[in-house]
Amino acid sequence: MIPTHGAVTSVFHLANAIRHGSQPDLPSWIRAARDRSAYLAAAIDHEPAARFLLGAGLVSSAGAIGTGARLRAVADVADRTTLVAIASMLLELDPPVWLPLAVAGGKVRWEVVPSKDLEGMEWLQTELEQVLLGAIPQNASDTGTLALGIGRAAELAVFAALTGHGGSAIHVSEISDRFGYDIESIDQVTRRWEVKGCTERTAGTFHLSRNEFNKCQTYGAEWRLVQVEFSGEALVAEQVTAAHIARIRELPTGEILSLTPPETVHFRWESSAMIEPLLEAWVDSDLKVPSGLRLPSLDTLGREVIERGQAGRPIAFTT
């Protein structure tokens, strides 16, 4: 449950409604929360939060609705400290799918937080960053699943665009990660497509591996970098569709070569580099994704990539 101001306020009033005693059933509990609250809070639909608290085990429904110690601790005074504590509790109990990727290395990567969710949490203001940082357990596992899913979805979208109208293409990154590009298509001329996925806030930047750069040099204009931008809604969607693709852009090979200095005693390649071209260097792509595109969620796609890697199959997704 995203800790919007309405959701947090609802949790407080529901907890307060049973602070002095249990409620006989769910309707009575919701009615008590509404009756005890001020006009603004009374207008809130308390049922979603009530059902969430039941499902999370913070209240008991055995015989009557009763609250546990953790919920009683946030049922006294509706001050800012209490509301922030409730927000932290909601994120801990029901972390959104984007949270492990948004919080990495002790920093919040705001670019992966969906705009709608970010707007809902704006009331937290200066506390928002600390609330998000505190929502990730110290022993949290791999945080790259969603990033892998974005890369995988981008490749599948471009492949669908290339083959959707009878075109011929080979998804070479399914075979090996040594090609230095992801998809090869032949339509009068050969194209070697390196595909990058991004969100609205990471649009226009990308990581380029040493192997990708080498192939860019080798194939010249045949080698094309294409970036698929996904909307924030795609991060939490159960299915990724064509409607979740905000834009597809391409970066001419010459721009990439001009941005990358030659190796010297003072500069040398390692595994990859972060490239951030000028916005005007990008051009809109002519690729058209079929309107019927349907992909699994980004989280599911990311987990599939990890499973493929564990099975010894290639993982070649960099964003």
C-alpha atoms as a PDB file:
ATOM      1  CA  MET A   1       0.000   0.000   0.000  1.00  0.00           C
ATOM      2  CA  ILE A   2       1.523   3.328  -1.109  1.00  0.00           C
ATOM      3  CA  PRO A   3       1.587   5.629   1.960  1.00  0.00           C
ATOM      4  CA  THR A   4      -0.451   8.490   0.545  1.00  0.00           C
ATOM      5  CA  HIS A   5      -1.693  11.058   3.031  1.00  0.00           C
ATOM      6  CA  GLY A   6      -5.182   9.595   2.742  1.00  0.00           C
ATOM      7  CA  ALA A   7      -4.030   6.020   3.366  1.00  0.00           C
ATOM      8  CA  VAL A   8      -1.891   7.018   6.364  1.00  0.00           C
ATOM      9  CA  THR A   9      -4.695   9.135   7.845  1.00  0.00           C
ATOM     10  CA  SER A  10      -7.105   6.252   7.383  1.00  0.00           C
ATOM     11  CA  VAL A  11      -4.786   3.846   9.231  1.00  0.00           C
ATOM     12  CA  PHE A  12      -4.507   6.296  12.125  1.00  0.00           C
ATOM     13  CA  HIS A  13      -8.273   6.685  12.521  1.00  0.00           C
ATOM     14  CA  LEU A  14      -8.870   2.947  12.192  1.00  0.00           C
ATOM     15  CA  ALA A  15      -6.291   2.310  14.922  1.00  0.00           C
ATOM     16  CA  ASN A  16      -7.742   5.076  17.057  1.00  0.00           C
ATOM     17  CA  ALA A  17     -11.239   3.632  16.673  1.00  0.00           C
ATOM     18  CA  ILE A  18     -10.237   0.463  18.532  1.00  0.00           C
ATOM     19  CA  ARG A  19      -7.727   2.055  20.903  1.00  0.00           C
ATOM     20  CA  HIS A  20     -10.214   1.921  23.769  1.00  0.00           C
ATOM     21  CA  GLY A  21     -11.758  -1.420  22.889  1.00  0.00           C
ATOM     22  CA  SER A  22     -12.417  -3.915  20.123  1.00  0.00           C
ATOM     23  CA  GLN A  23     -15.098  -3.524  17.461  1.00  0.00           C
ATOM     24  CA  PRO A  24     -17.563  -6.366  16.811  1.00  0.00           C
ATOM     25  CA  ASP A  25     -17.030  -6.577  13.038  1.00  0.00           C
ATOM     26  CA  LEU A  26     -15.542  -4.864   9.984  1.00  0.00           C
ATOM     27  CA  PRO A  27     -18.516  -2.568   9.191  1.00  0.00           C
ATOM     28  CA  SER A  28     -18.693  -1.408  12.804  1.00  0.00           C
ATOM     29  CA  TRP A  29     -14.959  -0.743  12.846  1.00  0.00           C
ATOM     30  CA  ILE A  30     -15.096   1.336   9.664  1.00  0.00           C
ATOM     31  CA  ARG A  31     -18.133   3.246  10.966  1.00  0.00           C
ATOM     32  CA  ALA A  32     -16.356   3.974  14.257  1.00  0.00           C
ATOM     33  CA  ALA A  33     -13.298   5.295  12.396  1.00  0.00           C
ATOM     34  CA  ARG A  34     -15.494   7.567  10.321  1.00  0.00           C
ATOM     35  CA  ASP A  35     -17.522   8.822  13.279  1.00  0.00           C
ATOM     36  CA  ARG A  36     -14.460   9.624  15.417  1.00  0.00           C
ATOM     37  CA  SER A  37     -12.635  11.580  12.724  1.00  0.00           C
ATOM     38  CA  ALA A  38     -12.778  15.150  11.571  1.00  0.00           C
ATOM     39  CA  TYR A  39     -14.764  16.106   8.473  1.00  0.00           C
ATOM     40  CA  LEU A  40     -11.851  15.619   6.048  1.00  0.00           C
ATOM     41  CA  ALA A  41     -10.947  12.190   7.441  1.00  0.00           C
ATOM     42  CA  ALA A  42     -14.608  11.209   7.552  1.00  0.00           C
ATOM     43  CA  ALA A  43     -14.707  11.581   3.773  1.00  0.00           C
ATOM     44  CA  ILE A  44     -11.991   8.933   3.358  1.00  0.00           C
ATOM     45  CA  ASP A  45     -12.971   5.440   2.267  1.00  0.00           C
ATOM     46  CA  HIS A  46     -11.567   3.444   5.205  1.00  0.00           C
ATOM     47  CA  GLU A  47     -12.350  -0.016   3.844  1.00  0.00           C
ATOM     48  CA  PRO A  48      -9.148  -0.510   1.747  1.00  0.00           C
ATOM     49  CA  ALA A  49      -6.911   0.352   4.710  1.00  0.00           C
ATOM     50  CA  ALA A  50      -9.021  -1.770   7.066  1.00  0.00           C
ATOM     51  CA  ARG A  51      -8.712  -4.815   4.831  1.00  0.00           C
ATOM     52  CA  PHE A  52      -4.981  -4.180   4.446  1.00  0.00           C
ATOM     53  CA  LEU A  53      -4.497  -4.105   8.236  1.00  0.00           C
ATOM     54  CA  LEU A  54      -6.427  -7.360   8.566  1.00  0.00           C
ATOM     55  CA  GLY A  55      -4.402  -9.012   5.811  1.00  0.00           C
ATOM     56  CA  ALA A  56      -1.121  -7.822   7.313  1.00  0.00           C
ATOM     57  CA  GLY A  57      -2.021  -9.301  10.690  1.00  0.00           C
ATOM     58  CA  LEU A  58      -1.882  -5.953  12.501  1.00  0.00           C
ATOM     59  CA  VAL A  59      -5.409  -6.475  13.765  1.00  0.00           C
ATOM     60  CA  SER A  60      -7.189  -9.608  14.854  1.00  0.00           C
ATOM     61  CA  SER A  61     -10.628 -10.601  13.598  1.00  0.00           C
ATOM     62  CA  ALA A  62     -11.052 -13.598  15.898  1.00  0.00           C
ATOM     63  CA  GLY A  63     -14.435 -12.941  17.508  1.00  0.00           C
ATOM     64  CA  ALA A  64     -14.003  -9.165  17.239  1.00  0.00           C
ATOM     65  CA  ILE A  65     -11.705  -6.594  15.671  1.00  0.00           C
ATOM     66  CA  GLY A  66      -8.806  -5.947  18.041  1.00  0.00           C
ATOM     67  CA  THR A  67      -5.451  -4.253  17.514  1.00  0.00           C
ATOM     68  CA  GLY A  68      -1.960  -5.461  18.300  1.00  0.00           C
ATOM     69  CA  ALA A  69       0.765  -3.540  20.109  1.00  0.00           C
ATOM     70  CA  ARG A  70       2.379  -2.195  16.939  1.00  0.00           C
ATOM     71  CA  LEU A  71      -0.815  -0.554  15.755  1.00  0.00           C
ATOM     72  CA  ARG A  72      -1.705   0.741  19.208  1.00  0.00           C
ATOM     73  CA  ALA A  73       1.591   2.617  19.232  1.00  0.00           C
ATOM     74  CA  VAL A  74       0.421   4.807  16.344  1.00  0.00           C
ATOM     75  CA  ALA A  75      -3.143   5.391  17.557  1.00  0.00           C
ATOM     76  CA  ASP A  76      -2.696   8.158  20.097  1.00  0.00           C
ATOM     77  CA  VAL A  77      -1.888  11.568  18.600  1.00  0.00           C
ATOM     78  CA  ALA A  78      -2.208  12.402  14.906  1.00  0.00           C
ATOM     79  CA  ASP A  79       0.959  14.487  14.793  1.00  0.00           C
ATOM     80  CA  ARG A  80       3.496  14.418  11.955  1.00  0.00           C
ATOM     81  CA  THR A  81       5.815  12.004  13.777  1.00  0.00           C
ATOM     82  CA  THR A  82       2.984   9.478  14.069  1.00  0.00           C
ATOM     83  CA  LEU A  83       1.919   9.835  10.441  1.00  0.00           C
ATOM     84  CA  VAL A  84       5.494   9.406   9.197  1.00  0.00           C
ATOM     85  CA  ALA A  85       5.829   6.286  11.359  1.00  0.00           C
ATOM     86  CA  ILE A  86       2.667   4.882   9.783  1.00  0.00           C
ATOM     87  CA  ALA A  87       4.035   5.628   6.313  1.00  0.00           C
ATOM     88  CA  SER A  88       7.229   3.712   7.148  1.00  0.00           C
ATOM     89  CA  MET A  89       5.202   0.810   8.472  1.00  0.00           C
ATOM     90  CA  LEU A  90       3.092   0.581   5.302  1.00  0.00           C
ATOM     91  CA  LEU A  91       6.174   0.506   3.057  1.00  0.00           C
ATOM     92  CA  GLU A  92       7.793  -2.160   5.212  1.00  0.00           C
ATOM     93  CA  LEU A  93       4.697  -4.369   5.234  1.00  0.00           C
ATOM     94  CA  ASP A  94       3.810  -3.965   1.559  1.00  0.00           C
ATOM     95  CA  PRO A  95       6.861  -2.724  -0.377  1.00  0.00           C
ATOM     96  CA  PRO A  96       6.049  -1.687  -3.963  1.00  0.00           C
ATOM     97  CA  VAL A  97       7.736  -3.650  -6.720  1.00  0.00           C
ATOM     98  CA  TRP A  98       9.958  -0.675  -7.631  1.00  0.00           C
ATOM     99  CA  LEU A  99      11.358  -0.192  -4.106  1.00  0.00           C
ATOM    100  CA  PRO A 100      14.386  -2.555  -4.276  1.00  0.00           C
ATOM    101  CA  LEU A 101      15.588  -0.838  -7.440  1.00  0.00           C
ATOM    102  CA  ALA A 102      14.814   2.692  -6.241  1.00  0.00           C
ATOM    103  CA  VAL A 103      16.838   2.233  -3.055  1.00  0.00           C
ATOM    104  CA  ALA A 104      20.363   1.038  -3.770  1.00  0.00           C
ATOM    105  CA  GLY A 105      23.752   1.879  -2.327  1.00  0.00           C
ATOM    106  CA  GLY A 106      22.286   4.083   0.389  1.00  0.00           C
ATOM    107  CA  LYS A 107      20.689   6.398  -2.162  1.00  0.00           C
ATOM    108  CA  VAL A 108      17.227   6.845  -3.673  1.00  0.00           C
ATOM    109  CA  ARG A 109      17.075   6.620  -7.452  1.00  0.00           C
ATOM    110  CA  TRP A 110      14.060   8.860  -7.986  1.00  0.00           C
ATOM    111  CA  GLU A 111      13.955   8.069 -11.686  1.00  0.00           C
ATOM    112  CA  VAL A 112      12.467   4.629 -11.105  1.00  0.00           C
ATOM    113  CA  VAL A 113       9.661   5.746  -8.781  1.00  0.00           C
ATOM    114  CA  PRO A 114       6.416   5.959 -10.807  1.00  0.00           C
ATOM    115  CA  SER A 115       5.160   9.532 -11.049  1.00  0.00           C
ATOM    116  CA  LYS A 116       1.751   8.626  -9.606  1.00  0.00           C
ATOM    117  CA  ASP A 117       3.319   6.998  -6.540  1.00  0.00           C
ATOM    118  CA  LEU A 118       5.747   9.874  -6.082  1.00  0.00           C
ATOM    119  CA  GLU A 119       2.889  12.373  -6.181  1.00  0.00           C
ATOM    120  CA  GLY A 120       1.011  10.332  -3.588  1.00  0.00           C
ATOM    121  CA  MET A 121       3.976  10.504  -1.197  1.00  0.00           C
ATOM    122  CA  GLU A 122       4.818  14.179  -1.715  1.00  0.00           C
ATOM    123  CA  TRP A 123       3.213  15.077   1.609  1.00  0.00           C
ATOM    124  CA  LEU A 124       6.204  13.436   3.348  1.00  0.00           C
ATOM    125  CA  GLN A 125       8.424  16.195   1.920  1.00  0.00           C
ATOM    126  CA  THR A 126      11.908  16.124   3.475  1.00  0.00           C
ATOM    127  CA  GLU A 127      11.222  12.857   5.327  1.00  0.00           C
ATOM    128  CA  LEU A 128      10.429  10.934   2.127  1.00  0.00           C
ATOM    129  CA  GLU A 129      14.029   9.995   1.318  1.00  0.00           C
ATOM    130  CA  GLN A 130      14.701   8.627   4.812  1.00  0.00           C
ATOM    131  CA  VAL A 131      11.391   6.752   4.822  1.00  0.00           C
ATOM    132  CA  LEU A 132      12.292   5.029   1.549  1.00  0.00           C
ATOM    133  CA  LEU A 133      15.844   4.269   2.674  1.00  0.00           C
ATOM    134  CA  GLY A 134      14.540   2.777   5.910  1.00  0.00           C
ATOM    135  CA  ALA A 135      12.061   0.537   4.116  1.00  0.00           C
ATOM    136  CA  ILE A 136      14.777  -1.729   2.682  1.00  0.00           C
ATOM    137  CA  PRO A 137      16.076  -4.455   5.046  1.00  0.00           C
ATOM    138  CA  GLN A 138      19.827  -4.433   5.658  1.00  0.00           C
ATOM    139  CA  ASN A 139      20.078  -7.926   4.182  1.00  0.00           C
ATOM    140  CA  ALA A 140      18.018  -7.118   1.079  1.00  0.00           C
ATOM    141  CA  SER A 141      18.773  -9.385  -1.874  1.00  0.00           C
ATOM    142  CA  ASP A 142      19.652  -8.437  -5.440  1.00  0.00           C
ATOM    143  CA  THR A 143      18.212  -5.062  -6.425  1.00  0.00           C
ATOM    144  CA  GLY A 144      18.704  -5.368 -10.158  1.00  0.00           C
ATOM    145  CA  THR A 145      15.641  -7.438 -11.054  1.00  0.00           C
ATOM    146  CA  LEU A 146      13.572  -4.528 -12.295  1.00  0.00           C
ATOM    147  CA  ALA A 147      16.481  -3.069 -14.275  1.00  0.00           C
ATOM    148  CA  LEU A 148      16.944  -6.424 -16.008  1.00  0.00           C
ATOM    149  CA  GLY A 149      13.208  -6.503 -16.714  1.00  0.00           C
ATOM    150  CA  ILE A 150      13.335  -3.067 -18.341  1.00  0.00           C
ATOM    151  CA  GLY A 151      16.192  -4.194 -20.580  1.00  0.00           C
ATOM    152  CA  ARG A 152      14.418  -7.415 -21.491  1.00  0.00           C
ATOM    153  CA  ALA A 153      11.125  -5.643 -22.259  1.00  0.00           C
ATOM    154  CA  ALA A 154      12.940  -3.122 -24.453  1.00  0.00           C
ATOM    155  CA  GLU A 155      14.516  -5.889 -26.538  1.00  0.00           C
ATOM    156  CA  LEU A 156      11.222  -7.730 -26.939  1.00  0.00           C
ATOM    157  CA  ALA A 157       9.461  -4.515 -27.949  1.00  0.00           C
ATOM    158  CA  VAL A 158      12.060  -3.708 -30.629  1.00  0.00           C
ATOM    159  CA  PHE A 159      12.041  -7.301 -31.896  1.00  0.00           C
ATOM    160  CA  ALA A 160       8.229  -7.119 -32.168  1.00  0.00           C
ATOM    161  CA  ALA A 161       8.532  -3.840 -34.075  1.00  0.00           C
ATOM    162  CA  LEU A 162      11.009  -5.359 -36.533  1.00  0.00           C
ATOM    163  CA  THR A 163       9.003  -8.533 -37.148  1.00  0.00           C
ATOM    164  CA  GLY A 164       5.469  -7.212 -36.705  1.00  0.00           C
ATOM    165  CA  HIS A 165       4.970  -6.272 -40.349  1.00  0.00           C
ATOM    166  CA  GLY A 166       6.543  -9.277 -41.980  1.00  0.00           C
ATOM    167  CA  GLY A 167      10.111  -8.185 -41.407  1.00  0.00           C
ATOM    168  CA  SER A 168      13.011 -10.557 -40.840  1.00  0.00           C
ATOM    169  CA  ALA A 169      15.065 -10.358 -37.651  1.00  0.00           C
ATOM    170  CA  ILE A 170      17.188 -12.571 -35.407  1.00  0.00           C
ATOM    171  CA  HIS A 171      17.298 -11.982 -31.644  1.00  0.00           C
ATOM    172  CA  VAL A 172      21.017 -12.696 -31.408  1.00  0.00           C
ATOM    173  CA  SER A 173      21.347 -11.860 -27.701  1.00  0.00           C
ATOM    174  CA  GLU A 174      19.210 -14.968 -27.102  1.00  0.00           C
ATOM    175  CA  ILE A 175      22.080 -16.940 -28.611  1.00  0.00           C
ATOM    176  CA  SER A 176      25.102 -15.220 -27.062  1.00  0.00           C
ATOM    177  CA  ASP A 177      26.115 -11.972 -25.396  1.00  0.00           C
ATOM    178  CA  ARG A 178      29.266 -11.765 -27.517  1.00  0.00           C
ATOM    179  CA  PHE A 179      27.677 -10.192 -30.606  1.00  0.00           C
ATOM    180  CA  GLY A 180      27.927  -6.659 -29.226  1.00  0.00           C
ATOM    181  CA  TYR A 181      24.337  -5.946 -30.235  1.00  0.00           C
ATOM    182  CA  ASP A 182      20.950  -7.529 -29.508  1.00  0.00           C
ATOM    183  CA  ILE A 183      19.009  -7.909 -32.756  1.00  0.00           C
ATOM    184  CA  GLU A 184      20.044  -8.316 -36.386  1.00  0.00           C
ATOM    185  CA  SER A 185      17.594  -7.409 -39.130  1.00  0.00           C
ATOM    186  CA  ILE A 186      17.825  -7.556 -42.927  1.00  0.00           C
ATOM    187  CA  ASP A 187      15.595  -5.291 -45.000  1.00  0.00           C
ATOM    188  CA  GLN A 188      17.544  -4.281 -48.107  1.00  0.00           C
ATOM    189  CA  VAL A 189      20.404  -3.457 -45.719  1.00  0.00           C
ATOM    190  CA  THR A 190      21.655  -5.206 -42.586  1.00  0.00           C
ATOM    191  CA  ARG A 191      21.012  -3.502 -39.250  1.00  0.00           C
ATOM    192  CA  ARG A 192      22.585  -4.502 -35.952  1.00  0.00           C
ATOM    193  CA  TRP A 193      20.439  -3.092 -33.146  1.00  0.00           C
ATOM    194  CA  GLU A 194      21.802  -2.463 -29.670  1.00  0.00           C
ATOM    195  CA  VAL A 195      18.721  -1.961 -27.481  1.00  0.00           C
ATOM    196  CA  LYS A 196      18.591   0.053 -24.256  1.00  0.00           C
ATOM    197  CA  GLY A 197      15.625   0.413 -21.930  1.00  0.00           C
ATOM    198  CA  CYS A 198      14.935   3.407 -19.726  1.00  0.00           C
ATOM    199  CA  THR A 199      12.327   5.254 -17.709  1.00  0.00           C
ATOM    200  CA  GLU A 200      11.277   8.873 -18.088  1.00  0.00           C
ATOM    201  CA  ARG A 201      13.935  10.105 -15.670  1.00  0.00           C
ATOM    202  CA  THR A 202      16.810   8.062 -17.136  1.00  0.00           C
ATOM    203  CA  ALA A 203      15.901   8.824 -20.750  1.00  0.00           C
ATOM    204  CA  GLY A 204      18.796   9.881 -22.928  1.00  0.00           C
ATOM    205  CA  THR A 205      21.525   8.161 -20.906  1.00  0.00           C
ATOM    206  CA  PHE A 206      22.805   4.603 -21.113  1.00  0.00           C
ATOM    207  CA  HIS A 207      25.644   2.242 -20.272  1.00  0.00           C
ATOM    208  CA  LEU A 208      27.797   1.063 -23.161  1.00  0.00           C
ATOM    209  CA  SER A 209      29.968  -2.001 -22.761  1.00  0.00           C
ATOM    210  CA  ARG A 210      33.456  -2.259 -24.220  1.00  0.00           C
ATOM    211  CA  ASN A 211      32.274  -5.001 -26.571  1.00  0.00           C
ATOM    212  CA  GLU A 212      29.333  -2.894 -27.767  1.00  0.00           C
ATOM    213  CA  PHE A 213      31.636   0.040 -28.469  1.00  0.00           C
ATOM    214  CA  ASN A 214      34.039  -2.182 -30.405  1.00  0.00           C
ATOM    215  CA  LYS A 215      31.187  -3.458 -32.598  1.00  0.00           C
ATOM    216  CA  CYS A 216      29.965   0.103 -33.075  1.00  0.00           C
ATOM    217  CA  GLN A 217      33.394   0.938 -34.482  1.00  0.00           C
ATOM    218  CA  THR A 218      33.529  -2.215 -36.603  1.00  0.00           C
ATOM    219  CA  TYR A 219      30.102  -2.029 -38.237  1.00  0.00           C
ATOM    220  CA  GLY A 220      29.697   1.739 -38.447  1.00  0.00           C
ATOM    221  CA  ALA A 221      26.262   2.800 -39.714  1.00  0.00           C
ATOM    222  CA  GLU A 222      25.013  -0.827 -39.676  1.00  0.00           C
ATOM    223  CA  TRP A 223      25.209  -0.746 -35.883  1.00  0.00           C
ATOM    224  CA  ARG A 224      22.285   1.208 -34.397  1.00  0.00           C
ATOM    225  CA  LEU A 225      21.606   2.176 -30.795  1.00  0.00           C
ATOM    226  CA  VAL A 226      17.894   2.377 -29.995  1.00  0.00           C
ATOM    227  CA  GLN A 227      16.420   3.330 -26.627  1.00  0.00           C
ATOM    228  CA  VAL A 228      12.911   2.356 -25.514  1.00  0.00           C
ATOM    229  CA  GLU A 229      11.439   4.643 -22.856  1.00  0.00           C
ATOM    230  CA  PHE A 230       8.808   3.127 -20.539  1.00  0.00           C
ATOM    231  CA  SER A 231       6.275   5.140 -18.582  1.00  0.00           C
ATOM    232  CA  GLY A 232       6.281   5.014 -14.791  1.00  0.00           C
ATOM    233  CA  GLU A 233       3.095   2.935 -14.896  1.00  0.00           C
ATOM    234  CA  ALA A 234       5.032   0.130 -16.594  1.00  0.00           C
ATOM    235  CA  LEU A 235       7.068  -0.419 -13.409  1.00  0.00           C
ATOM    236  CA  VAL A 236       4.055  -1.722 -11.506  1.00  0.00           C
ATOM    237  CA  ALA A 237       1.860  -3.038 -14.342  1.00  0.00           C
ATOM    238  CA  GLU A 238       0.884  -6.717 -14.311  1.00  0.00           C
ATOM    239  CA  GLN A 239       1.395  -6.702 -18.077  1.00  0.00           C
ATOM    240  CA  VAL A 240       3.571  -4.397 -20.176  1.00  0.00           C
ATOM    241  CA  THR A 241       1.783  -3.247 -23.321  1.00  0.00           C
ATOM    242  CA  ALA A 242       2.475  -0.931 -26.227  1.00  0.00           C
ATOM    243  CA  ALA A 243       0.656   1.788 -24.286  1.00  0.00           C
ATOM    244  CA  HIS A 244       3.454   1.729 -21.675  1.00  0.00           C
ATOM    245  CA  ILE A 245       6.062   2.759 -24.264  1.00  0.00           C
ATOM    246  CA  ALA A 246       6.393   6.529 -24.158  1.00  0.00           C
ATOM    247  CA  ARG A 247       8.985   6.924 -26.890  1.00  0.00           C
ATOM    248  CA  ILE A 248      11.553   5.104 -29.005  1.00  0.00           C
ATOM    249  CA  ARG A 249      14.650   7.114 -29.951  1.00  0.00           C
ATOM    250  CA  GLU A 250      17.897   6.380 -31.787  1.00  0.00           C
ATOM    251  CA  LEU A 251      21.409   7.748 -31.471  1.00  0.00           C
ATOM    252  CA  PRO A 252      23.498   7.895 -34.655  1.00  0.00           C
ATOM    253  CA  THR A 253      26.702   5.884 -34.545  1.00  0.00           C
ATOM    254  CA  GLY A 254      28.783   8.966 -35.270  1.00  0.00           C
ATOM    255  CA  GLU A 255      27.498  10.616 -32.088  1.00  0.00           C
ATOM    256  CA  ILE A 256      28.621   7.653 -29.987  1.00  0.00           C
ATOM    257  CA  LEU A 257      32.071   7.599 -31.561  1.00  0.00           C
ATOM    258  CA  SER A 258      32.463  11.346 -31.098  1.00  0.00           C
ATOM    259  CA  LEU A 259      31.610  11.117 -27.405  1.00  0.00           C
ATOM    260  CA  THR A 260      34.074   8.350 -26.626  1.00  0.00           C
ATOM    261  CA  PRO A 261      37.707   9.441 -26.338  1.00  0.00           C
ATOM    262  CA  PRO A 262      40.492   7.177 -27.642  1.00  0.00           C
ATOM    263  CA  GLU A 263      42.417   5.169 -25.090  1.00  0.00           C
ATOM    264  CA  THR A 264      45.546   6.869 -23.771  1.00  0.00           C
ATOM    265  CA  VAL A 265      47.765   6.493 -20.725  1.00  0.00           C
ATOM    266  CA  HIS A 266      45.162   8.638 -18.945  1.00  0.00           C
ATOM    267  CA  PHE A 267      42.006   6.894 -20.184  1.00  0.00           C
ATOM    268  CA  ARG A 268      41.189   3.267 -20.823  1.00  0.00           C
ATOM    269  CA  TRP A 269      38.082   1.167 -21.092  1.00  0.00           C
ATOM    270  CA  GLU A 270      37.122  -1.338 -18.445  1.00  0.00           C
ATOM    271  CA  SER A 271      33.763  -3.141 -18.549  1.00  0.00           C
ATOM    272  CA  SER A 272      31.481  -0.254 -19.528  1.00  0.00           C
ATOM    273  CA  ALA A 273      30.967   3.496 -19.612  1.00  0.00           C
ATOM    274  CA  MET A 274      28.036   5.789 -18.890  1.00  0.00           C
ATOM    275  CA  ILE A 275      27.125   7.847 -21.954  1.00  0.00           C
ATOM    276  CA  GLU A 276      25.024  11.021 -21.721  1.00  0.00           C
ATOM    277  CA  PRO A 277      24.673  12.639 -25.157  1.00  0.00           C
ATOM    278  CA  LEU A 278      23.122  16.054 -25.744  1.00  0.00           C
ATOM    279  CA  LEU A 279      19.337  15.777 -26.003  1.00  0.00           C
ATOM    280  CA  GLU A 280      19.364  17.159 -29.541  1.00  0.00           C
ATOM    281  CA  ALA A 281      21.657  14.314 -30.648  1.00  0.00           C
ATOM    282  CA  TRP A 282      18.790  11.842 -30.355  1.00  0.00           C
ATOM    283  CA  VAL A 283      16.331  11.288 -33.189  1.00  0.00           C
ATOM    284  CA  ASP A 284      12.876   9.747 -33.056  1.00  0.00           C
ATOM    285  CA  SER A 285      12.864   6.173 -34.322  1.00  0.00           C
ATOM    286  CA  ASP A 286      10.688   4.945 -37.177  1.00  0.00           C
ATOM    287  CA  LEU A 287      10.164   1.655 -35.330  1.00  0.00           C
ATOM    288  CA  LYS A 288       6.496   0.993 -34.569  1.00  0.00           C
ATOM    289  CA  VAL A 289       5.621  -1.487 -31.829  1.00  0.00           C
ATOM    290  CA  PRO A 290       2.492  -3.530 -32.646  1.00  0.00           C
ATOM    291  CA  SER A 291      -0.543  -2.260 -30.734  1.00  0.00           C
ATOM    292  CA  GLY A 292      -1.250  -5.798 -29.535  1.00  0.00           C
ATOM    293  CA  LEU A 293       2.074  -6.185 -27.717  1.00  0.00           C
ATOM    294  CA  ARG A 294       1.604  -7.981 -24.383  1.00  0.00           C
ATOM    295  CA  LEU A 295       4.560  -8.809 -22.129  1.00  0.00           C
ATOM    296  CA  PRO A 296       4.758 -10.101 -18.534  1.00  0.00           C
ATOM    297  CA  SER A 297       5.467  -7.613 -15.758  1.00  0.00           C
ATOM    298  CA  LEU A 298       8.936  -6.068 -15.606  1.00  0.00           C
ATOM    299  CA  ASP A 299       9.587  -7.896 -12.343  1.00  0.00           C
ATOM    300  CA  THR A 300       8.687 -11.233 -13.984  1.00  0.00           C
ATOM    301  CA  LEU A 301      10.879 -10.487 -16.992  1.00  0.00           C
ATOM    302  CA  GLY A 302      13.781  -9.574 -14.712  1.00  0.00           C
ATOM    303  CA  ARG A 303      13.466 -12.810 -12.780  1.00  0.00           C
ATOM    304  CA  GLU A 304      13.415 -14.744 -16.041  1.00  0.00           C
ATOM    305  CA  VAL A 305      16.704 -13.097 -17.026  1.00  0.00           C
ATOM    306  CA  ILE A 306      18.244 -14.093 -13.689  1.00  0.00           C
ATOM    307  CA  GLU A 307      17.010 -17.677 -14.096  1.00  0.00           C
ATOM    308  CA  ARG A 308      18.472 -17.812 -17.605  1.00  0.00           C
ATOM    309  CA  GLY A 309      21.807 -16.669 -16.228  1.00  0.00           C
ATOM    310  CA  GLN A 310      21.744 -19.306 -13.507  1.00  0.00           C
ATOM    311  CA  ALA A 311      21.059 -21.910 -16.176  1.00  0.00           C
ATOM    312  CA  GLY A 312      24.118 -20.785 -18.133  1.00  0.00           C
ATOM    313  CA  ARG A 313      22.209 -18.916 -20.829  1.00  0.00           C
ATOM    314  CA  PRO A 314      23.248 -15.377 -21.830  1.00  0.00           C
ATOM    315  CA  ILE A 315      22.301 -12.245 -19.917  1.00  0.00           C
ATOM    316  CA  ALA A 316      23.142  -9.231 -22.028  1.00  0.00           C
ATOM    317  CA  PHE A 317      21.021  -6.404 -20.700  1.00  0.00           C
ATOM    318  CA  THR A 318      22.535  -3.020 -19.909  1.00  0.00           C
ATOM    319  CA  THR A 319      20.411   0.102 -19.698  1.00  0.00           C
END
